Amino acid sequence: MSSNFIIIGGVSGCGKSTVGSALAERIEVEFVDGDRFHSKKNIEKMSAGIPLNDEDRSEWLHLLSTFADENQTKVVACSALKRSYRVILSSKSTSCKIFILDLPESVLRERIIKRQGHFVKAQLLKSQLDTLELPPPDEKSVFVVDGNLPVNVIVEEIISLLK
């Protein structure tokens, strides 16, 4: 495997945690759910339906970047919505690859509405989609993956892209 820091990204409801956990289990490495590391202030803000801005996300992104460990591969679920965020996330790794799960807005909205116990609500979806920057061709370590595929198919596609 050519990467030691694997980030599963995308907007809320795309399946980051599900795919990240399944991938980590499949390749037998540690999985880190980035949502667990949001500050109390950020969780309160999102719970109230208020979108996070770059300043809100900065400390969180820098914290997640510290999970990069050259001696141990990790899979991290984190939105990684903008190129500038992905630069921060990969700043402490020499071999980071990021996979953005892409789905239609209608599917995302349905998933978020059905999801229970999560602080991100459907009203934040539009702001996340507006913030999302799909990678341009020169962002070589970032890949867009069809998030509508079955989880096991997504995992196998990611594994093939890691080689």
N, C-alpha and C. Protein backbone atom coordinates (compact mmCIF):
# COMPACT_ATOMS: atom_id res chain seq x y z
N MET A 1 0.85 -1.17 0.00
CA MET A 1 0.00 0.00 0.00
C MET A 1 0.90 1.23 0.00
N SER A 2 0.55 2.19 -0.86
CA SER A 2 1.44 3.33 -1.04
C SER A 2 1.05 4.55 -0.20
N SER A 3 0.12 4.41 0.72
CA SER A 3 -0.28 5.54 1.54
C SER A 3 -0.40 5.12 2.99
N ASN A 4 0.06 5.99 3.89
CA ASN A 4 -0.06 5.68 5.31
C ASN A 4 -1.12 6.52 6.01
N PHE A 5 -1.67 7.50 5.28
CA PHE A 5 -2.70 8.37 5.86
C PHE A 5 -3.80 8.48 4.83
N ILE A 6 -4.92 7.82 5.11
CA ILE A 6 -6.02 7.71 4.15
C ILE A 6 -7.21 8.46 4.73
N ILE A 7 -7.70 9.43 3.98
CA ILE A 7 -8.83 10.23 4.44
C ILE A 7 -10.03 9.94 3.56
N ILE A 8 -11.14 9.64 4.21
CA ILE A 8 -12.41 9.46 3.51
C ILE A 8 -13.21 10.73 3.75
N GLY A 9 -13.47 11.48 2.67
CA GLY A 9 -14.10 12.78 2.80
C GLY A 9 -15.42 12.89 2.05
N GLY A 10 -16.03 14.05 2.19
CA GLY A 10 -17.28 14.34 1.53
C GLY A 10 -18.23 15.04 2.50
N VAL A 11 -19.35 15.46 1.99
CA VAL A 11 -20.33 16.18 2.82
C VAL A 11 -21.03 15.23 3.77
N SER A 12 -21.77 15.81 4.69
CA SER A 12 -22.52 15.04 5.67
C SER A 12 -23.49 14.09 4.97
N GLY A 13 -23.53 12.85 5.46
CA GLY A 13 -24.46 11.87 4.91
C GLY A 13 -23.91 11.06 3.76
N CYS A 14 -22.67 11.32 3.35
CA CYS A 14 -22.13 10.59 2.19
C CYS A 14 -21.63 9.20 2.54
N GLY A 15 -21.43 8.92 3.82
CA GLY A 15 -20.99 7.59 4.22
C GLY A 15 -19.54 7.50 4.65
N LYS A 16 -18.95 8.64 5.02
CA LYS A 16 -17.53 8.66 5.41
C LYS A 16 -17.21 7.65 6.51
N SER A 17 -17.99 7.68 7.57
CA SER A 17 -17.72 6.80 8.71
C SER A 17 -17.93 5.34 8.35
N THR A 18 -18.99 5.06 7.61
CA THR A 18 -19.29 3.68 7.21
C THR A 18 -18.19 3.13 6.31
N VAL A 19 -17.83 3.89 5.28
CA VAL A 19 -16.80 3.45 4.34
C VAL A 19 -15.43 3.41 5.03
N GLY A 20 -15.12 4.45 5.81
CA GLY A 20 -13.83 4.49 6.49
C GLY A 20 -13.64 3.33 7.44
N SER A 21 -14.67 3.02 8.20
CA SER A 21 -14.61 1.90 9.13
C SER A 21 -14.45 0.57 8.39
N ALA A 22 -15.21 0.40 7.31
CA ALA A 22 -15.13 -0.84 6.52
C ALA A 22 -13.75 -0.97 5.87
N LEU A 23 -13.22 0.13 5.36
CA LEU A 23 -11.89 0.10 4.74
C LEU A 23 -10.82 -0.25 5.77
N ALA A 24 -10.88 0.40 6.93
CA ALA A 24 -9.89 0.13 7.98
C ALA A 24 -9.94 -1.34 8.41
N GLU A 25 -11.15 -1.87 8.54
CA GLU A 25 -11.29 -3.28 8.91
C GLU A 25 -10.71 -4.18 7.82
N ARG A 26 -11.00 -3.85 6.58
CA ARG A 26 -10.54 -4.68 5.44
C ARG A 26 -9.02 -4.71 5.32
N ILE A 27 -8.36 -3.54 5.56
CA ILE A 27 -6.90 -3.50 5.43
C ILE A 27 -6.20 -3.61 6.79
N GLU A 28 -7.00 -3.83 7.84
CA GLU A 28 -6.51 -4.10 9.19
C GLU A 28 -5.64 -2.98 9.74
N VAL A 29 -6.24 -1.76 9.76
CA VAL A 29 -5.57 -0.60 10.34
C VAL A 29 -6.55 0.13 11.24
N GLU A 30 -6.05 1.14 11.94
CA GLU A 30 -6.89 1.93 12.86
C GLU A 30 -7.80 2.87 12.07
N PHE A 31 -9.05 3.01 12.57
CA PHE A 31 -9.99 3.96 12.00
C PHE A 31 -10.23 5.08 13.00
N VAL A 32 -10.21 6.33 12.52
CA VAL A 32 -10.46 7.50 13.36
C VAL A 32 -11.64 8.26 12.76
N ASP A 33 -12.71 8.43 13.53
CA ASP A 33 -13.86 9.20 13.06
C ASP A 33 -13.65 10.65 13.47
N GLY A 34 -13.40 11.50 12.49
CA GLY A 34 -13.09 12.90 12.75
C GLY A 34 -14.17 13.65 13.51
N ASP A 35 -15.42 13.24 13.37
CA ASP A 35 -16.50 13.91 14.08
C ASP A 35 -16.30 13.89 15.59
N ARG A 36 -15.62 12.87 16.08
CA ARG A 36 -15.39 12.75 17.53
C ARG A 36 -14.47 13.84 18.07
N PHE A 37 -13.79 14.55 17.17
CA PHE A 37 -12.79 15.52 17.60
C PHE A 37 -13.21 16.97 17.39
N HIS A 38 -14.46 17.18 16.99
CA HIS A 38 -14.97 18.56 16.91
C HIS A 38 -15.04 19.15 18.32
N SER A 39 -14.78 20.43 18.42
CA SER A 39 -14.90 21.10 19.72
C SER A 39 -16.37 21.16 20.13
N LYS A 40 -16.58 21.36 21.42
CA LYS A 40 -17.95 21.50 21.94
C LYS A 40 -18.64 22.67 21.25
N LYS A 41 -17.91 23.75 21.05
CA LYS A 41 -18.46 24.95 20.40
C LYS A 41 -18.93 24.62 18.97
N ASN A 42 -18.11 23.86 18.23
CA ASN A 42 -18.49 23.50 16.86
C ASN A 42 -19.71 22.59 16.83
N ILE A 43 -19.76 21.65 17.74
CA ILE A 43 -20.92 20.74 17.80
C ILE A 43 -22.19 21.52 18.14
N GLU A 44 -22.08 22.43 19.09
CA GLU A 44 -23.25 23.26 19.45
C GLU A 44 -23.69 24.10 18.25
N LYS A 45 -22.74 24.64 17.53
CA LYS A 45 -23.05 25.47 16.37
C LYS A 45 -23.78 24.64 15.30
N MET A 46 -23.23 23.48 14.98
CA MET A 46 -23.85 22.63 13.96
C MET A 46 -25.20 22.11 14.43
N SER A 47 -25.31 21.76 15.70
CA SER A 47 -26.58 21.28 16.25
C SER A 47 -27.68 22.34 16.12
N ALA A 48 -27.25 23.59 16.16
CA ALA A 48 -28.20 24.70 16.03
C ALA A 48 -28.47 25.06 14.57
N GLY A 49 -27.87 24.28 13.65
CA GLY A 49 -28.10 24.52 12.23
C GLY A 49 -27.23 25.63 11.65
N ILE A 50 -26.19 26.02 12.36
CA ILE A 50 -25.29 27.09 11.90
C ILE A 50 -24.06 26.44 11.25
N PRO A 51 -23.80 26.76 9.98
CA PRO A 51 -22.64 26.17 9.31
C PRO A 51 -21.32 26.63 9.92
N LEU A 52 -20.33 25.75 9.88
CA LEU A 52 -18.99 26.12 10.32
C LEU A 52 -18.32 26.93 9.22
N ASN A 53 -17.42 27.83 9.64
CA ASN A 53 -16.63 28.57 8.67
C ASN A 53 -15.18 28.08 8.74
N ASP A 54 -14.31 28.67 7.93
CA ASP A 54 -12.91 28.24 7.89
C ASP A 54 -12.25 28.35 9.26
N GLU A 55 -12.53 29.41 9.97
CA GLU A 55 -11.94 29.62 11.29
C GLU A 55 -12.39 28.53 12.26
N ASP A 56 -13.69 28.18 12.20
CA ASP A 56 -14.21 27.12 13.07
C ASP A 56 -13.51 25.80 12.81
N ARG A 57 -13.24 25.53 11.56
CA ARG A 57 -12.68 24.23 11.18
C ARG A 57 -11.16 24.13 11.37
N SER A 58 -10.47 25.24 11.44
CA SER A 58 -9.01 25.25 11.44
C SER A 58 -8.39 24.39 12.53
N GLU A 59 -8.75 24.62 13.77
CA GLU A 59 -8.17 23.85 14.89
C GLU A 59 -8.46 22.36 14.72
N TRP A 60 -9.68 22.04 14.30
CA TRP A 60 -10.10 20.65 14.10
C TRP A 60 -9.26 19.98 13.01
N LEU A 61 -9.06 20.67 11.90
CA LEU A 61 -8.27 20.12 10.80
C LEU A 61 -6.82 19.89 11.23
N HIS A 62 -6.25 20.86 11.93
CA HIS A 62 -4.87 20.70 12.41
C HIS A 62 -4.75 19.52 13.38
N LEU A 63 -5.75 19.36 14.23
CA LEU A 63 -5.75 18.22 15.15
C LEU A 63 -5.78 16.90 14.38
N LEU A 64 -6.67 16.80 13.40
CA LEU A 64 -6.76 15.56 12.62
C LEU A 64 -5.49 15.28 11.85
N SER A 65 -4.79 16.31 11.41
CA SER A 65 -3.54 16.10 10.67
C SER A 65 -2.49 15.41 11.53
N THR A 66 -2.59 15.53 12.85
CA THR A 66 -1.60 14.91 13.74
C THR A 66 -1.76 13.39 13.81
N PHE A 67 -2.83 12.85 13.25
CA PHE A 67 -3.00 11.40 13.24
C PHE A 67 -2.11 10.73 12.18
N ALA A 68 -1.51 11.54 11.32
CA ALA A 68 -0.58 10.98 10.33
C ALA A 68 0.63 10.43 11.07
N ASP A 69 0.96 9.20 10.81
CA ASP A 69 2.08 8.54 11.47
C ASP A 69 2.79 7.72 10.41
N GLU A 70 4.02 8.07 10.13
CA GLU A 70 4.78 7.39 9.07
C GLU A 70 4.96 5.90 9.34
N ASN A 71 4.81 5.49 10.59
CA ASN A 71 5.04 4.09 10.95
C ASN A 71 3.77 3.26 11.05
N GLN A 72 2.61 3.93 10.96
CA GLN A 72 1.36 3.19 11.13
C GLN A 72 0.27 3.81 10.25
N THR A 73 -0.30 2.99 9.38
CA THR A 73 -1.36 3.47 8.49
C THR A 73 -2.64 3.70 9.29
N LYS A 74 -3.32 4.79 8.96
CA LYS A 74 -4.61 5.09 9.59
C LYS A 74 -5.59 5.53 8.52
N VAL A 75 -6.87 5.25 8.78
CA VAL A 75 -7.96 5.74 7.95
C VAL A 75 -8.73 6.74 8.81
N VAL A 76 -8.94 7.95 8.27
CA VAL A 76 -9.63 9.01 8.99
C VAL A 76 -10.83 9.47 8.19
N ALA A 77 -11.99 9.54 8.84
CA ALA A 77 -13.19 10.11 8.22
C ALA A 77 -13.24 11.59 8.57
N CYS A 78 -13.24 12.43 7.55
CA CYS A 78 -13.23 13.88 7.75
C CYS A 78 -13.75 14.51 6.47
N SER A 79 -14.58 15.52 6.58
CA SER A 79 -15.22 16.10 5.40
C SER A 79 -14.24 16.52 4.31
N ALA A 80 -13.12 17.15 4.65
CA ALA A 80 -12.10 17.54 3.67
C ALA A 80 -12.73 18.27 2.47
N LEU A 81 -13.60 19.21 2.75
CA LEU A 81 -14.43 19.82 1.72
C LEU A 81 -13.67 20.70 0.74
N LYS A 82 -12.66 21.41 1.21
CA LYS A 82 -11.94 22.36 0.36
C LYS A 82 -10.49 21.94 0.18
N ARG A 83 -9.92 22.40 -0.92
CA ARG A 83 -8.51 22.12 -1.16
C ARG A 83 -7.65 22.62 0.00
N SER A 84 -7.93 23.81 0.51
CA SER A 84 -7.13 24.35 1.62
C SER A 84 -7.24 23.45 2.86
N TYR A 85 -8.39 22.83 3.08
CA TYR A 85 -8.54 21.91 4.20
C TYR A 85 -7.71 20.65 3.96
N ARG A 86 -7.72 20.18 2.72
CA ARG A 86 -6.96 18.96 2.39
C ARG A 86 -5.45 19.20 2.52
N VAL A 87 -5.02 20.41 2.24
CA VAL A 87 -3.61 20.76 2.41
C VAL A 87 -3.23 20.66 3.89
N ILE A 88 -4.08 21.20 4.76
CA ILE A 88 -3.82 21.10 6.21
C ILE A 88 -3.81 19.64 6.65
N LEU A 89 -4.82 18.89 6.24
CA LEU A 89 -4.93 17.49 6.65
C LEU A 89 -3.72 16.66 6.25
N SER A 90 -3.18 16.93 5.09
CA SER A 90 -2.06 16.13 4.58
C SER A 90 -0.69 16.70 4.95
N SER A 91 -0.66 17.80 5.69
CA SER A 91 0.59 18.52 5.96
C SER A 91 1.62 17.73 6.76
N LYS A 92 1.20 16.77 7.53
CA LYS A 92 2.14 16.01 8.36
C LYS A 92 2.40 14.60 7.82
N SER A 93 1.98 14.36 6.60
CA SER A 93 2.15 13.04 6.00
C SER A 93 2.88 13.16 4.67
N THR A 94 3.77 12.22 4.41
CA THR A 94 4.44 12.21 3.11
C THR A 94 3.69 11.35 2.11
N SER A 95 2.67 10.64 2.57
CA SER A 95 1.95 9.76 1.66
C SER A 95 0.45 9.70 1.99
N CYS A 96 -0.20 10.84 1.92
CA CYS A 96 -1.62 10.95 2.20
C CYS A 96 -2.43 10.82 0.91
N LYS A 97 -3.50 10.05 0.97
CA LYS A 97 -4.46 9.99 -0.14
C LYS A 97 -5.84 10.27 0.43
N ILE A 98 -6.61 11.04 -0.33
CA ILE A 98 -7.93 11.47 0.10
C ILE A 98 -8.96 11.01 -0.92
N PHE A 99 -10.04 10.43 -0.42
CA PHE A 99 -11.11 9.92 -1.27
C PHE A 99 -12.41 10.64 -0.91
N ILE A 100 -12.95 11.40 -1.86
CA ILE A 100 -14.18 12.15 -1.65
C ILE A 100 -15.35 11.32 -2.16
N LEU A 101 -16.28 11.02 -1.27
CA LEU A 101 -17.47 10.25 -1.67
C LEU A 101 -18.50 11.22 -2.24
N ASP A 102 -18.91 10.98 -3.46
CA ASP A 102 -19.81 11.88 -4.17
C ASP A 102 -21.17 11.21 -4.38
N LEU A 103 -22.22 11.92 -4.00
CA LEU A 103 -23.59 11.42 -4.16
C LEU A 103 -24.50 12.56 -4.55
N PRO A 104 -25.65 12.25 -5.16
CA PRO A 104 -26.64 13.29 -5.47
C PRO A 104 -27.20 13.91 -4.18
N GLU A 105 -27.54 15.19 -4.25
CA GLU A 105 -28.07 15.90 -3.10
C GLU A 105 -29.31 15.21 -2.52
N SER A 106 -30.17 14.69 -3.38
CA SER A 106 -31.41 14.05 -2.90
C SER A 106 -31.10 12.83 -2.03
N VAL A 107 -30.10 12.07 -2.40
CA VAL A 107 -29.71 10.89 -1.62
C VAL A 107 -29.10 11.32 -0.28
N LEU A 108 -28.25 12.34 -0.34
CA LEU A 108 -27.63 12.85 0.88
C LEU A 108 -28.69 13.35 1.86
N ARG A 109 -29.63 14.13 1.36
CA ARG A 109 -30.68 14.69 2.20
C ARG A 109 -31.50 13.56 2.86
N GLU A 110 -31.85 12.54 2.08
CA GLU A 110 -32.62 11.42 2.61
C GLU A 110 -31.84 10.69 3.71
N ARG A 111 -30.56 10.48 3.49
CA ARG A 111 -29.73 9.80 4.49
C ARG A 111 -29.65 10.61 5.79
N ILE A 112 -29.46 11.93 5.65
CA ILE A 112 -29.34 12.78 6.84
C ILE A 112 -30.64 12.78 7.63
N ILE A 113 -31.76 12.86 6.94
CA ILE A 113 -33.06 12.87 7.60
C ILE A 113 -33.30 11.57 8.36
N LYS A 114 -32.88 10.44 7.78
CA LYS A 114 -33.09 9.13 8.42
C LYS A 114 -32.10 8.86 9.56
N ARG A 115 -30.98 9.56 9.54
CA ARG A 115 -29.91 9.31 10.52
C ARG A 115 -30.34 9.79 11.90
N GLN A 116 -30.04 9.00 12.89
CA GLN A 116 -30.43 9.35 14.25
C GLN A 116 -29.18 9.62 15.10
N GLY A 117 -29.30 10.57 16.01
CA GLY A 117 -28.24 10.80 16.98
C GLY A 117 -27.01 11.53 16.47
N HIS A 118 -27.10 12.18 15.33
CA HIS A 118 -25.95 12.92 14.81
C HIS A 118 -26.25 14.41 14.88
N PHE A 119 -25.22 15.20 15.16
CA PHE A 119 -25.43 16.64 15.35
C PHE A 119 -25.62 17.42 14.06
N VAL A 120 -25.24 16.87 12.92
CA VAL A 120 -25.44 17.58 11.64
C VAL A 120 -26.84 17.28 11.12
N LYS A 121 -27.60 18.33 10.91
CA LYS A 121 -28.97 18.20 10.43
C LYS A 121 -29.05 18.57 8.96
N ALA A 122 -30.17 18.26 8.34
CA ALA A 122 -30.36 18.45 6.90
C ALA A 122 -30.17 19.90 6.45
N GLN A 123 -30.48 20.86 7.32
CA GLN A 123 -30.36 22.26 6.90
C GLN A 123 -28.92 22.68 6.66
N LEU A 124 -27.94 21.90 7.12
CA LEU A 124 -26.53 22.23 6.88
C LEU A 124 -26.02 21.68 5.55
N LEU A 125 -26.79 20.81 4.91
CA LEU A 125 -26.33 20.16 3.69
C LEU A 125 -26.01 21.18 2.59
N LYS A 126 -26.87 22.15 2.37
CA LYS A 126 -26.64 23.13 1.30
C LYS A 126 -25.33 23.87 1.50
N SER A 127 -25.05 24.29 2.74
CA SER A 127 -23.80 25.02 2.98
C SER A 127 -22.59 24.12 2.74
N GLN A 128 -22.70 22.84 3.09
CA GLN A 128 -21.59 21.92 2.84
C GLN A 128 -21.39 21.71 1.34
N LEU A 129 -22.49 21.55 0.61
CA LEU A 129 -22.38 21.38 -0.84
C LEU A 129 -21.81 22.64 -1.50
N ASP A 130 -22.19 23.81 -0.98
CA ASP A 130 -21.65 25.07 -1.50
C ASP A 130 -20.15 25.20 -1.21
N THR A 131 -19.72 24.65 -0.08
CA THR A 131 -18.31 24.72 0.32
C THR A 131 -17.46 23.68 -0.42
N LEU A 132 -18.05 22.54 -0.77
CA LEU A 132 -17.31 21.44 -1.39
C LEU A 132 -16.59 21.87 -2.66
N GLU A 133 -15.29 21.61 -2.69
CA GLU A 133 -14.47 21.83 -3.89
C GLU A 133 -13.97 20.46 -4.35
N LEU A 134 -14.55 19.96 -5.44
CA LEU A 134 -14.04 18.70 -5.98
C LEU A 134 -12.63 18.95 -6.50
N PRO A 135 -11.78 17.95 -6.44
CA PRO A 135 -10.37 18.18 -6.77
C PRO A 135 -10.15 18.47 -8.25
N PRO A 136 -9.33 19.48 -8.54
CA PRO A 136 -8.93 19.72 -9.93
C PRO A 136 -7.87 18.69 -10.33
N PRO A 137 -7.57 18.58 -11.62
CA PRO A 137 -6.61 17.57 -12.08
C PRO A 137 -5.23 17.63 -11.41
N ASP A 138 -4.83 18.82 -10.95
CA ASP A 138 -3.49 18.91 -10.34
C ASP A 138 -3.45 18.46 -8.88
N GLU A 139 -4.59 18.14 -8.31
CA GLU A 139 -4.63 17.61 -6.94
C GLU A 139 -4.56 16.09 -7.04
N LYS A 140 -3.35 15.61 -7.31
CA LYS A 140 -3.13 14.21 -7.70
C LYS A 140 -3.42 13.17 -6.62
N SER A 141 -3.40 13.56 -5.36
CA SER A 141 -3.61 12.58 -4.29
C SER A 141 -5.04 12.57 -3.78
N VAL A 142 -5.95 13.22 -4.53
CA VAL A 142 -7.36 13.27 -4.14
C VAL A 142 -8.20 12.64 -5.24
N PHE A 143 -9.07 11.72 -4.86
CA PHE A 143 -9.87 10.97 -5.81
C PHE A 143 -11.35 11.11 -5.47
N VAL A 144 -12.18 11.21 -6.47
CA VAL A 144 -13.63 11.24 -6.27
C VAL A 144 -14.15 9.83 -6.54
N VAL A 145 -14.94 9.32 -5.58
CA VAL A 145 -15.47 7.97 -5.66
C VAL A 145 -16.99 8.05 -5.62
N ASP A 146 -17.65 7.23 -6.41
CA ASP A 146 -19.12 7.18 -6.44
C ASP A 146 -19.63 6.61 -5.12
N GLY A 147 -20.20 7.47 -4.29
CA GLY A 147 -20.71 7.04 -2.99
C GLY A 147 -22.02 6.30 -3.03
N ASN A 148 -22.61 6.16 -4.23
CA ASN A 148 -23.86 5.43 -4.39
C ASN A 148 -23.63 3.93 -4.53
N LEU A 149 -22.38 3.54 -4.73
CA LEU A 149 -22.06 2.12 -4.87
C LEU A 149 -22.17 1.42 -3.52
N PRO A 150 -22.33 0.10 -3.51
CA PRO A 150 -22.33 -0.64 -2.24
C PRO A 150 -20.99 -0.42 -1.51
N VAL A 151 -21.03 -0.42 -0.19
CA VAL A 151 -19.84 -0.14 0.61
C VAL A 151 -18.67 -1.06 0.24
N ASN A 152 -18.93 -2.34 0.07
CA ASN A 152 -17.83 -3.26 -0.25
C ASN A 152 -17.19 -2.94 -1.61
N VAL A 153 -17.98 -2.44 -2.56
CA VAL A 153 -17.45 -2.05 -3.87
C VAL A 153 -16.61 -0.78 -3.74
N ILE A 154 -17.08 0.17 -2.94
CA ILE A 154 -16.32 1.40 -2.70
C ILE A 154 -14.98 1.06 -2.06
N VAL A 155 -15.00 0.18 -1.06
CA VAL A 155 -13.77 -0.22 -0.36
C VAL A 155 -12.79 -0.84 -1.35
N GLU A 156 -13.25 -1.73 -2.19
CA GLU A 156 -12.35 -2.36 -3.17
C GLU A 156 -11.81 -1.34 -4.17
N GLU A 157 -12.63 -0.38 -4.58
CA GLU A 157 -12.16 0.67 -5.49
C GLU A 157 -11.07 1.51 -4.83
N ILE A 158 -11.27 1.86 -3.56
CA ILE A 158 -10.26 2.63 -2.84
C ILE A 158 -8.97 1.82 -2.71
N ILE A 159 -9.08 0.56 -2.37
CA ILE A 159 -7.88 -0.29 -2.25
C ILE A 159 -7.12 -0.32 -3.58
N SER A 160 -7.83 -0.42 -4.69
CA SER A 160 -7.15 -0.45 -5.99
C SER A 160 -6.46 0.89 -6.27
N LEU A 161 -7.05 1.99 -5.82
CA LEU A 161 -6.43 3.31 -6.01
C LEU A 161 -5.25 3.55 -5.07
N LEU A 162 -5.18 2.80 -3.99
CA LEU A 162 -4.07 2.93 -3.05
C LEU A 162 -2.81 2.23 -3.54
N LYS A 163 -2.95 1.35 -4.49
CA LYS A 163 -1.79 0.57 -4.97
C LYS A 163 -0.93 1.36 -5.92
